[in-house]
Amino acid sequence: MRIAEDIIISPYITEKSNDDIAEGKYTFIVDRKATKIEIRQAIEKLFSVKVVKVHTMNYQGKKKRRGVQQGRTTHWKKAIVKIDTDAKPEIYLTEGGKEVVNNRKYKTEIEDFGFSK
């Protein structure tokens, strides 16, 4: 089990990611070896939000050139995380058929994303 701070590297802020925030979608640069389940658990732990869906994309490094020297930038992974903006209490049944309500408080937005709305 890895630490959540090692999985989530930084927020990825662009015009498109700013527009997606209204729909509850946040974009992060994550560790290349991280799975969707690890990303979901890290976001829920760091920001106290309920994650509904995670989309990931792998990007290859671009070829760069500085004078005679040639090289590549590093490969990286991007994750688009959709959070639950309408947090309702969770209701489930126990073995005896009794209903149990879990009133866990989740946030409906991520305030520490690097900017404010």
Protein backbone atom coordinates (compact mmCIF):
# COMPACT_ATOMS: atom_id res chain seq x y z
CA MET A 1 0.00 0.00 0.00
CA ARG A 2 1.46 3.29 -1.09
CA ILE A 3 0.96 6.70 0.49
CA ALA A 4 -1.69 8.94 -1.10
CA GLU A 5 0.78 11.82 -1.43
CA ASP A 6 3.03 9.60 -3.60
CA ILE A 7 0.20 8.71 -5.98
CA ILE A 8 -1.20 12.22 -6.61
CA ILE A 9 1.64 14.38 -7.93
CA SER A 10 -0.07 17.67 -8.81
CA PRO A 11 -3.27 19.20 -10.22
CA TYR A 12 -3.34 19.67 -13.99
CA ILE A 13 -4.82 23.11 -14.69
CA THR A 14 -5.84 24.04 -18.24
CA GLU A 15 -8.80 25.87 -19.76
CA LYS A 16 -10.58 22.59 -20.45
CA SER A 17 -9.98 21.28 -16.91
CA ASN A 18 -11.33 24.58 -15.52
CA ASP A 19 -14.52 24.13 -17.55
CA ASP A 20 -14.93 20.54 -16.31
CA ILE A 21 -14.94 21.64 -12.65
CA ALA A 22 -18.54 22.81 -13.04
CA GLU A 23 -19.45 19.16 -13.76
CA GLY A 24 -17.44 17.89 -10.78
CA LYS A 25 -14.46 16.65 -12.84
CA TYR A 26 -10.95 17.37 -11.57
CA THR A 27 -7.71 16.58 -13.42
CA PHE A 28 -4.49 15.43 -11.75
CA ILE A 29 -1.04 14.26 -12.79
CA VAL A 30 -0.54 10.91 -11.06
CA ASP A 31 2.16 8.28 -10.65
CA ARG A 32 2.57 6.23 -13.84
CA LYS A 33 2.22 2.92 -11.98
CA ALA A 34 -0.93 3.93 -10.07
CA THR A 35 -4.15 2.04 -10.76
CA LYS A 36 -7.64 3.56 -10.89
CA ILE A 37 -8.46 2.05 -7.50
CA GLU A 38 -5.34 3.55 -5.89
CA ILE A 39 -6.12 6.95 -7.46
CA ARG A 40 -9.71 6.84 -6.16
CA GLN A 41 -8.58 5.93 -2.64
CA ALA A 42 -5.89 8.65 -2.64
CA ILE A 43 -8.32 11.38 -3.77
CA GLU A 44 -10.92 10.32 -1.19
CA LYS A 45 -8.29 10.33 1.56
CA LEU A 46 -6.62 13.64 0.65
CA PHE A 47 -9.70 15.75 -0.13
CA SER A 48 -12.56 14.01 1.78
CA VAL A 49 -14.75 13.69 -1.31
CA LYS A 50 -16.71 10.77 -2.77
CA VAL A 51 -15.22 9.67 -6.11
CA VAL A 52 -17.73 8.37 -8.66
CA LYS A 53 -15.49 7.63 -11.66
CA VAL A 54 -11.80 7.74 -12.65
CA HIS A 55 -10.47 8.02 -16.21
CA THR A 56 -6.72 7.66 -16.84
CA MET A 57 -4.54 8.48 -19.83
CA ASN A 58 -0.86 7.67 -20.42
CA TYR A 59 1.25 10.22 -22.29
CA GLN A 60 4.58 9.53 -23.98
CA GLY A 61 7.37 12.06 -23.56
CA LYS A 62 7.97 14.42 -26.48
CA LYS A 63 11.21 14.55 -28.42
CA LYS A 64 13.12 17.71 -27.55
CA ARG A 65 16.30 19.14 -28.91
CA ARG A 66 18.74 21.61 -27.43
CA GLY A 67 21.41 22.41 -29.99
CA VAL A 68 23.06 19.15 -31.00
CA GLN A 69 21.74 17.20 -28.01
CA GLN A 70 18.51 15.27 -28.44
CA GLY A 71 16.38 13.75 -25.75
CA ARG A 72 12.86 13.12 -24.52
CA THR A 73 10.74 14.63 -21.81
CA THR A 74 9.46 12.19 -19.21
CA HIS A 75 6.41 9.99 -19.72
CA TRP A 76 3.46 10.88 -17.49
CA LYS A 77 -0.07 9.84 -16.57
CA LYS A 78 -3.17 12.02 -16.25
CA ALA A 79 -6.30 11.13 -14.28
CA ILE A 80 -9.70 12.81 -14.61
CA VAL A 81 -11.66 12.22 -11.41
CA LYS A 82 -15.42 12.76 -11.22
CA ILE A 83 -16.64 13.46 -7.70
CA ASP A 84 -20.14 13.21 -6.25
CA THR A 85 -21.49 16.77 -6.12
CA ASP A 86 -24.83 15.70 -4.59
CA ALA A 87 -23.72 13.75 -1.51
CA LYS A 88 -26.60 11.81 0.01
CA PRO A 89 -26.48 9.49 3.04
CA GLU A 90 -25.75 5.84 2.19
CA ILE A 91 -28.56 3.39 3.04
CA TYR A 92 -27.94 -0.35 3.12
CA LEU A 93 -29.43 -3.49 4.67
CA THR A 94 -27.79 -5.61 7.37
CA GLU A 95 -28.15 -9.40 7.68
CA GLY A 96 -31.34 -9.13 9.71
CA GLY A 97 -33.00 -6.95 7.06
CA LYS A 98 -32.58 -3.80 9.14
CA GLU A 99 -31.85 -0.55 7.30
CA VAL A 100 -28.70 1.30 8.34
CA VAL A 101 -28.02 4.90 7.31
CA ASN A 102 -24.41 6.08 7.03
CA ASN A 103 -24.33 9.89 7.40
CA ARG A 104 -20.71 10.28 6.43
CA LYS A 105 -19.96 13.87 5.47
CA TYR A 106 -18.33 14.30 2.08
CA LYS A 107 -17.35 17.59 0.50
CA THR A 108 -18.97 18.51 -2.80
CA GLU A 109 -15.90 20.26 -4.25
CA ILE A 110 -12.13 20.34 -3.91
CA GLU A 111 -11.03 23.72 -2.54
CA ASP A 112 -7.27 22.98 -2.60
CA PHE A 113 -7.16 22.57 -6.38
CA GLY A 114 -4.91 25.61 -6.92
CA PHE A 115 -7.54 28.26 -7.64
CA SER A 116 -11.01 29.33 -6.58
CA LYS A 117 -14.17 29.47 -8.68
